[in-house]
C-alpha cells in the first residue's frame, strides 16, 4: 500500500473530473473516515514511482473509492491511494493517519515538502521496524 497525500492547496487543485472532493478538516471534529475521499490506482507490477503517479498522465487512472472502507484482500499488487485535505482548523495542528489493518507489509506516505520542491516520505508497515515510526502505535503512520 502506498499513500500519496496531497495536502497543500497548490497540489490539491485539479481540473481532472475524476478527482474526488477534498476532505475539510475542522476544529469541531477530531476523527474522519477517509474511504469516500480516496482515489485508488492499482499497480500490479509494483513498478510505478511517485513521480509517475503524481504526473498528469496518471491522474485519470485513479478511481474514486465507492466504499467507506476499501478492501482489496490479499494481493501482490501495490496500491497508490491519494486524497486531498483542506485544513480549516484553528486549534489543531497535528493529525494522525491510522490504518485499520496493521498487517500491511509496507506503507509509504508521500506528502508535499514544506518548500514545495518535491515530496517527503514516511515509511511504516508490518515488515518495517517499529523504531522507525513517528508514533509507536501499530496503526499510525
N, C-alpha and C. Protein backbone atom coordinates (compact mmCIF):
# COMPACT_ATOMS: atom_id res chain seq x y z
N UNK A 1 0.86 -1.17 0.00
CA UNK A 1 0.00 0.00 0.00
C UNK A 1 0.90 1.22 0.00
N UNK A 2 0.63 2.13 -0.88
CA UNK A 2 1.35 3.37 -0.94
C UNK A 2 0.32 4.48 -0.89
N UNK A 3 0.58 5.47 -0.08
CA UNK A 3 -0.37 6.55 0.07
C UNK A 3 0.27 7.83 -0.42
N UNK A 4 -0.39 8.48 -1.32
CA UNK A 4 0.05 9.76 -1.83
C UNK A 4 -0.92 10.79 -1.27
N UNK A 5 -0.48 11.54 -0.32
CA UNK A 5 -1.38 12.52 0.31
C UNK A 5 -1.09 13.89 -0.28
N UNK A 6 -2.08 14.47 -0.88
CA UNK A 6 -1.94 15.81 -1.43
C UNK A 6 -2.58 16.77 -0.44
N UNK A 7 -1.75 17.47 0.31
CA UNK A 7 -2.24 18.23 1.45
C UNK A 7 -2.15 19.74 1.27
N UNK A 8 -1.50 20.23 0.24
CA UNK A 8 -1.40 21.67 0.10
C UNK A 8 -2.35 22.14 -0.98
N UNK A 9 -2.81 23.39 -0.89
CA UNK A 9 -3.75 23.89 -1.88
C UNK A 9 -3.20 23.82 -3.31
N UNK A 10 -1.92 24.08 -3.49
CA UNK A 10 -1.37 24.05 -4.84
C UNK A 10 -1.48 22.67 -5.46
N UNK A 11 -1.10 21.63 -4.72
CA UNK A 11 -1.16 20.29 -5.25
C UNK A 11 -2.57 19.71 -5.22
N UNK A 12 -3.41 20.23 -4.37
CA UNK A 12 -4.74 19.65 -4.23
C UNK A 12 -5.68 20.11 -5.33
N UNK A 13 -5.40 21.21 -5.97
CA UNK A 13 -6.29 21.69 -7.01
C UNK A 13 -6.08 20.89 -8.28
N UNK A 14 -7.18 20.61 -8.97
CA UNK A 14 -7.10 19.82 -10.19
C UNK A 14 -8.28 20.10 -11.08
N UNK A 15 -8.06 20.04 -12.37
CA UNK A 15 -9.15 20.17 -13.32
C UNK A 15 -9.63 18.82 -13.80
N UNK A 16 -9.10 17.76 -13.24
CA UNK A 16 -9.45 16.40 -13.62
C UNK A 16 -10.84 16.06 -13.08
N UNK A 17 -11.78 15.68 -13.96
CA UNK A 17 -13.12 15.35 -13.48
C UNK A 17 -13.16 14.10 -12.61
N UNK A 18 -12.11 13.29 -12.62
CA UNK A 18 -12.07 12.08 -11.81
C UNK A 18 -11.67 12.36 -10.37
N UNK A 19 -11.21 13.57 -10.08
CA UNK A 19 -10.71 13.90 -8.76
C UNK A 19 -11.84 14.02 -7.75
N UNK A 20 -11.69 13.33 -6.63
CA UNK A 20 -12.68 13.39 -5.56
C UNK A 20 -12.60 14.74 -4.86
N UNK A 21 -13.66 15.06 -4.14
CA UNK A 21 -13.65 16.32 -3.40
C UNK A 21 -12.69 16.23 -2.22
N UNK A 22 -12.25 17.39 -1.76
CA UNK A 22 -11.33 17.44 -0.64
C UNK A 22 -12.08 17.21 0.67
N UNK A 23 -11.42 16.57 1.61
CA UNK A 23 -11.94 16.42 2.96
C UNK A 23 -11.58 17.69 3.71
N UNK A 24 -12.58 18.35 4.28
CA UNK A 24 -12.35 19.58 5.01
C UNK A 24 -12.20 19.25 6.50
N UNK A 25 -11.04 19.59 7.04
CA UNK A 25 -10.76 19.37 8.45
C UNK A 25 -11.23 20.60 9.24
N UNK A 26 -11.97 20.35 10.32
CA UNK A 26 -12.49 21.44 11.14
C UNK A 26 -12.22 21.16 12.61
N UNK A 27 -12.16 22.21 13.40
CA UNK A 27 -11.89 22.07 14.84
C UNK A 27 -12.97 21.28 15.55
N UNK A 28 -14.19 21.28 15.04
CA UNK A 28 -15.31 20.63 15.71
C UNK A 28 -15.26 19.11 15.64
N UNK A 29 -14.45 18.58 14.77
CA UNK A 29 -14.41 17.13 14.60
C UNK A 29 -12.97 16.65 14.76
N UNK A 30 -12.78 15.55 15.47
CA UNK A 30 -11.44 15.05 15.73
C UNK A 30 -11.07 13.79 14.98
N UNK A 31 -12.03 13.18 14.29
CA UNK A 31 -11.78 11.92 13.60
C UNK A 31 -12.55 11.93 12.28
N UNK A 32 -11.91 11.46 11.22
CA UNK A 32 -12.53 11.45 9.90
C UNK A 32 -12.31 10.11 9.21
N UNK A 33 -13.37 9.46 8.74
CA UNK A 33 -13.17 8.28 7.89
C UNK A 33 -12.80 8.77 6.48
N UNK A 34 -11.77 8.20 5.90
CA UNK A 34 -11.26 8.69 4.62
C UNK A 34 -11.80 7.95 3.40
N UNK A 35 -12.42 6.79 3.59
CA UNK A 35 -12.77 5.91 2.48
C UNK A 35 -13.40 6.57 1.27
N UNK A 36 -14.40 7.40 1.46
CA UNK A 36 -15.10 8.01 0.33
C UNK A 36 -14.36 9.21 -0.25
N UNK A 37 -13.23 9.59 0.35
CA UNK A 37 -12.41 10.68 -0.17
C UNK A 37 -11.18 10.16 -0.92
N UNK A 38 -11.02 8.85 -0.95
CA UNK A 38 -9.84 8.26 -1.56
C UNK A 38 -10.01 8.05 -3.06
N UNK A 39 -8.89 8.12 -3.75
CA UNK A 39 -8.79 7.71 -5.14
C UNK A 39 -7.68 6.67 -5.19
N UNK A 40 -7.92 5.58 -5.92
CA UNK A 40 -7.03 4.42 -5.84
C UNK A 40 -6.54 4.02 -7.23
N UNK A 41 -5.27 3.70 -7.29
CA UNK A 41 -4.65 3.22 -8.53
C UNK A 41 -3.94 1.91 -8.21
N UNK A 42 -4.33 0.83 -8.88
CA UNK A 42 -3.65 -0.45 -8.68
C UNK A 42 -2.39 -0.50 -9.53
N UNK A 43 -1.32 -0.98 -8.94
CA UNK A 43 -0.03 -1.14 -9.60
C UNK A 43 0.36 -2.61 -9.51
N UNK A 44 -0.17 -3.46 -10.42
CA UNK A 44 0.05 -4.91 -10.33
C UNK A 44 1.52 -5.32 -10.34
N UNK A 45 2.37 -4.58 -11.07
CA UNK A 45 3.79 -4.92 -11.15
C UNK A 45 4.63 -4.27 -10.08
N UNK A 46 4.03 -3.42 -9.26
CA UNK A 46 4.74 -2.70 -8.20
C UNK A 46 5.95 -1.96 -8.75
N UNK A 47 5.78 -1.36 -9.93
CA UNK A 47 6.89 -0.72 -10.62
C UNK A 47 6.78 0.80 -10.67
N UNK A 48 5.63 1.35 -10.37
CA UNK A 48 5.43 2.79 -10.52
C UNK A 48 6.19 3.57 -9.44
N UNK A 49 6.51 4.81 -9.77
CA UNK A 49 7.21 5.70 -8.84
C UNK A 49 6.30 6.86 -8.47
N UNK A 50 6.67 7.58 -7.43
CA UNK A 50 5.91 8.75 -7.02
C UNK A 50 5.88 9.79 -8.13
N UNK A 51 6.96 9.95 -8.86
CA UNK A 51 6.98 10.91 -9.97
C UNK A 51 5.98 10.52 -11.05
N UNK A 52 5.88 9.23 -11.35
CA UNK A 52 4.94 8.78 -12.37
C UNK A 52 3.50 8.98 -11.93
N UNK A 53 3.15 8.50 -10.75
CA UNK A 53 1.74 8.55 -10.34
C UNK A 53 1.26 9.95 -10.01
N UNK A 54 2.18 10.88 -9.75
CA UNK A 54 1.77 12.25 -9.49
C UNK A 54 1.80 13.11 -10.74
N UNK A 55 2.13 12.51 -11.88
CA UNK A 55 2.16 13.24 -13.15
C UNK A 55 0.76 13.34 -13.74
N UNK A 56 0.52 14.34 -14.58
CA UNK A 56 -0.80 14.47 -15.22
C UNK A 56 -1.21 13.24 -16.04
N UNK A 57 -0.25 12.52 -16.59
CA UNK A 57 -0.56 11.34 -17.40
C UNK A 57 -1.26 10.24 -16.59
N UNK A 58 -1.00 10.18 -15.30
CA UNK A 58 -1.59 9.14 -14.47
C UNK A 58 -2.84 9.59 -13.73
N UNK A 59 -3.13 10.87 -13.74
CA UNK A 59 -4.23 11.39 -12.94
C UNK A 59 -5.56 10.71 -13.25
N UNK A 60 -5.85 10.47 -14.52
CA UNK A 60 -7.13 9.87 -14.89
C UNK A 60 -7.19 8.37 -14.60
N UNK A 61 -6.08 7.77 -14.22
CA UNK A 61 -6.06 6.33 -13.91
C UNK A 61 -6.52 6.02 -12.49
N UNK A 62 -6.57 7.04 -11.65
CA UNK A 62 -7.05 6.86 -10.28
C UNK A 62 -8.56 6.72 -10.30
N UNK A 63 -9.08 5.79 -9.51
CA UNK A 63 -10.51 5.52 -9.45
C UNK A 63 -11.04 5.94 -8.07
N UNK A 64 -12.06 6.81 -8.04
CA UNK A 64 -12.62 7.20 -6.74
C UNK A 64 -13.19 6.00 -6.00
N UNK A 65 -12.92 5.93 -4.72
CA UNK A 65 -13.46 4.86 -3.89
C UNK A 65 -14.96 5.03 -3.75
N UNK A 66 -15.68 3.94 -3.82
CA UNK A 66 -17.14 3.96 -3.69
C UNK A 66 -17.59 3.41 -2.34
N UNK A 67 -16.63 3.07 -1.50
CA UNK A 67 -16.96 2.45 -0.21
C UNK A 67 -16.24 3.18 0.92
N UNK A 68 -16.79 3.09 2.10
CA UNK A 68 -16.19 3.75 3.26
C UNK A 68 -14.90 3.07 3.71
N UNK A 69 -14.81 1.75 3.47
CA UNK A 69 -13.61 1.01 3.86
C UNK A 69 -13.16 0.16 2.67
N UNK A 70 -12.29 0.70 1.81
CA UNK A 70 -11.81 -0.11 0.68
C UNK A 70 -11.05 -1.34 1.18
N UNK A 71 -11.27 -2.47 0.51
CA UNK A 71 -10.61 -3.71 0.88
C UNK A 71 -10.28 -4.46 -0.40
N UNK A 72 -9.00 -4.60 -0.68
CA UNK A 72 -8.56 -5.31 -1.87
C UNK A 72 -8.13 -6.73 -1.57
N UNK A 73 -8.35 -7.18 -0.35
CA UNK A 73 -7.99 -8.53 0.02
C UNK A 73 -6.49 -8.73 0.00
N UNK A 74 -6.06 -9.98 -0.08
CA UNK A 74 -4.65 -10.30 -0.15
C UNK A 74 -4.24 -10.29 -1.60
N UNK A 75 -3.23 -9.52 -1.93
CA UNK A 75 -2.80 -9.34 -3.31
C UNK A 75 -1.32 -9.03 -3.35
N UNK A 76 -0.71 -9.27 -4.48
CA UNK A 76 0.69 -8.90 -4.68
C UNK A 76 0.82 -7.51 -5.28
N UNK A 77 -0.30 -6.89 -5.63
CA UNK A 77 -0.28 -5.55 -6.22
C UNK A 77 0.09 -4.51 -5.17
N UNK A 78 0.65 -3.41 -5.65
CA UNK A 78 0.79 -2.22 -4.82
C UNK A 78 -0.41 -1.33 -5.16
N UNK A 79 -0.84 -0.55 -4.21
CA UNK A 79 -1.95 0.37 -4.44
C UNK A 79 -1.50 1.77 -4.07
N UNK A 80 -1.69 2.68 -5.00
CA UNK A 80 -1.43 4.09 -4.76
C UNK A 80 -2.77 4.71 -4.39
N UNK A 81 -2.79 5.38 -3.26
CA UNK A 81 -4.02 5.96 -2.76
C UNK A 81 -3.76 7.44 -2.52
N UNK A 82 -4.61 8.26 -3.08
CA UNK A 82 -4.43 9.70 -2.87
C UNK A 82 -5.71 10.31 -2.32
N UNK A 83 -5.55 11.39 -1.61
CA UNK A 83 -6.69 12.15 -1.10
C UNK A 83 -6.24 13.59 -0.89
N UNK A 84 -7.22 14.46 -0.89
CA UNK A 84 -6.95 15.89 -0.72
C UNK A 84 -7.54 16.36 0.60
N UNK A 85 -6.80 17.21 1.27
CA UNK A 85 -7.25 17.77 2.54
C UNK A 85 -7.30 19.28 2.43
N UNK A 86 -8.29 19.86 3.08
CA UNK A 86 -8.38 21.30 3.22
C UNK A 86 -8.43 21.56 4.71
N UNK A 87 -7.34 22.02 5.28
CA UNK A 87 -7.24 22.20 6.72
C UNK A 87 -7.79 23.57 7.11
N UNK A 88 -9.00 23.57 7.65
CA UNK A 88 -9.62 24.80 8.11
C UNK A 88 -9.61 24.90 9.63
N UNK A 89 -8.76 24.11 10.28
CA UNK A 89 -8.70 24.15 11.74
C UNK A 89 -7.91 25.37 12.21
N UNK A 90 -8.25 25.81 13.41
CA UNK A 90 -7.51 26.91 14.02
C UNK A 90 -6.76 26.45 15.27
N UNK A 91 -7.21 25.32 15.85
CA UNK A 91 -6.65 24.88 17.13
C UNK A 91 -5.91 23.55 17.04
N UNK A 92 -6.10 22.82 15.97
CA UNK A 92 -5.47 21.51 15.84
C UNK A 92 -4.39 21.60 14.77
N UNK A 93 -3.15 21.35 15.16
CA UNK A 93 -2.08 21.41 14.17
C UNK A 93 -1.37 20.08 13.96
N UNK A 94 -1.83 19.04 14.65
CA UNK A 94 -1.27 17.70 14.44
C UNK A 94 -2.39 16.70 14.23
N UNK A 95 -2.23 15.85 13.23
CA UNK A 95 -3.20 14.81 12.92
C UNK A 95 -2.46 13.50 12.76
N UNK A 96 -3.14 12.40 13.06
CA UNK A 96 -2.59 11.06 12.86
C UNK A 96 -3.34 10.38 11.73
N UNK A 97 -2.61 9.68 10.90
CA UNK A 97 -3.22 8.85 9.87
C UNK A 97 -3.16 7.42 10.37
N UNK A 98 -4.32 6.84 10.63
CA UNK A 98 -4.38 5.49 11.19
C UNK A 98 -4.89 4.52 10.14
N UNK A 99 -4.28 3.34 10.10
CA UNK A 99 -4.67 2.28 9.18
C UNK A 99 -5.32 1.18 9.99
N UNK A 100 -6.52 0.77 9.59
CA UNK A 100 -7.24 -0.23 10.38
C UNK A 100 -6.81 -1.67 10.13
N UNK A 101 -5.86 -1.87 9.24
CA UNK A 101 -5.34 -3.21 9.00
C UNK A 101 -3.83 -3.16 9.24
N UNK A 102 -3.39 -3.40 10.47
CA UNK A 102 -1.98 -3.22 10.80
C UNK A 102 -1.05 -4.26 10.18
N UNK A 103 -1.57 -5.23 9.44
CA UNK A 103 -0.75 -6.26 8.83
C UNK A 103 -0.25 -5.90 7.42
N UNK A 104 -0.48 -4.66 6.97
CA UNK A 104 0.04 -4.26 5.67
C UNK A 104 1.57 -4.27 5.74
N UNK A 105 2.20 -4.93 4.80
CA UNK A 105 3.65 -5.11 4.86
C UNK A 105 4.42 -3.81 4.75
N UNK A 106 4.10 -3.01 3.75
CA UNK A 106 4.83 -1.77 3.52
C UNK A 106 3.82 -0.66 3.22
N UNK A 107 3.97 0.45 3.92
CA UNK A 107 3.12 1.61 3.70
C UNK A 107 4.04 2.83 3.63
N UNK A 108 3.94 3.56 2.53
CA UNK A 108 4.73 4.78 2.35
C UNK A 108 3.77 5.95 2.22
N UNK A 109 3.99 6.98 3.00
CA UNK A 109 3.17 8.19 2.94
C UNK A 109 4.00 9.29 2.31
N UNK A 110 3.54 9.80 1.18
CA UNK A 110 4.20 10.89 0.49
C UNK A 110 3.40 12.16 0.72
N UNK A 111 4.06 13.20 1.19
CA UNK A 111 3.41 14.49 1.38
C UNK A 111 4.29 15.56 0.72
N UNK A 112 3.66 16.63 0.27
CA UNK A 112 4.47 17.72 -0.32
C UNK A 112 5.44 18.27 0.71
N UNK A 113 6.67 18.53 0.29
CA UNK A 113 7.65 19.11 1.21
C UNK A 113 7.27 20.56 1.48
N UNK A 114 7.66 21.08 2.64
CA UNK A 114 7.28 22.45 3.01
C UNK A 114 7.74 23.50 2.00
N UNK A 115 8.86 23.25 1.32
CA UNK A 115 9.35 24.23 0.36
C UNK A 115 8.75 24.05 -1.04
N UNK A 116 7.78 23.13 -1.15
CA UNK A 116 7.10 22.84 -2.43
C UNK A 116 8.05 22.32 -3.50
N UNK A 117 9.18 21.80 -3.08
CA UNK A 117 10.16 21.23 -4.01
C UNK A 117 10.21 19.72 -3.77
N UNK A 118 9.30 18.98 -4.34
CA UNK A 118 9.32 17.54 -4.17
C UNK A 118 8.41 17.07 -3.05
N UNK A 119 8.70 15.88 -2.55
CA UNK A 119 7.87 15.27 -1.52
C UNK A 119 8.73 14.73 -0.38
N UNK A 120 8.08 14.58 0.78
CA UNK A 120 8.70 13.89 1.90
C UNK A 120 8.02 12.53 2.01
N UNK A 121 8.73 11.54 2.49
CA UNK A 121 8.16 10.20 2.62
C UNK A 121 8.34 9.71 4.04
N UNK A 122 7.28 9.10 4.56
CA UNK A 122 7.33 8.40 5.84
C UNK A 122 7.00 6.96 5.54
N UNK A 123 7.73 6.05 6.15
CA UNK A 123 7.54 4.63 5.87
C UNK A 123 7.18 3.88 7.13
N UNK A 124 6.23 2.98 6.98
CA UNK A 124 5.82 2.12 8.08
C UNK A 124 5.34 0.80 7.47
N UNK A 125 4.73 0.00 8.27
CA UNK A 125 4.23 -1.28 7.81
C UNK A 125 4.74 -2.41 8.67
N UNK A 126 4.07 -3.53 8.57
CA UNK A 126 4.35 -4.70 9.40
C UNK A 126 5.79 -5.19 9.26
N UNK A 127 6.38 -5.09 8.07
CA UNK A 127 7.73 -5.61 7.85
C UNK A 127 8.82 -4.55 8.02
N UNK A 128 8.46 -3.38 8.53
CA UNK A 128 9.45 -2.34 8.81
C UNK A 128 9.59 -2.20 10.32
N UNK A 129 10.76 -1.79 10.78
CA UNK A 129 10.97 -1.70 12.23
C UNK A 129 10.06 -0.66 12.89
N UNK A 130 9.51 -1.01 14.03
CA UNK A 130 8.65 -0.11 14.78
C UNK A 130 9.42 1.14 15.19
N UNK A 131 10.71 1.00 15.41
CA UNK A 131 11.53 2.13 15.84
C UNK A 131 11.59 3.25 14.80
N UNK A 132 11.24 2.96 13.56
CA UNK A 132 11.27 3.98 12.51
C UNK A 132 10.00 4.84 12.48
N UNK A 133 9.01 4.49 13.26
CA UNK A 133 7.73 5.22 13.25
C UNK A 133 7.80 6.49 14.09
N UNK A 134 7.05 7.48 13.65
CA UNK A 134 6.94 8.71 14.43
C UNK A 134 6.12 8.50 15.69
N UNK A 135 5.12 7.64 15.59
CA UNK A 135 4.23 7.34 16.72
C UNK A 135 4.28 5.83 16.94
N UNK A 136 4.56 5.43 18.16
CA UNK A 136 4.65 3.99 18.45
C UNK A 136 3.28 3.41 18.73
N UNK A 137 2.52 3.33 17.67
CA UNK A 137 1.17 2.76 17.72
C UNK A 137 1.03 1.93 16.46
N UNK A 138 0.53 0.70 16.54
CA UNK A 138 0.54 -0.21 15.40
C UNK A 138 -0.17 0.30 14.14
N UNK A 139 -1.15 1.17 14.27
CA UNK A 139 -1.93 1.59 13.11
C UNK A 139 -1.57 2.95 12.57
N UNK A 140 -0.61 3.64 13.15
CA UNK A 140 -0.31 5.01 12.73
C UNK A 140 0.92 5.07 11.83
N UNK A 141 0.86 6.02 10.95
CA UNK A 141 1.99 6.30 10.08
C UNK A 141 2.80 7.41 10.72
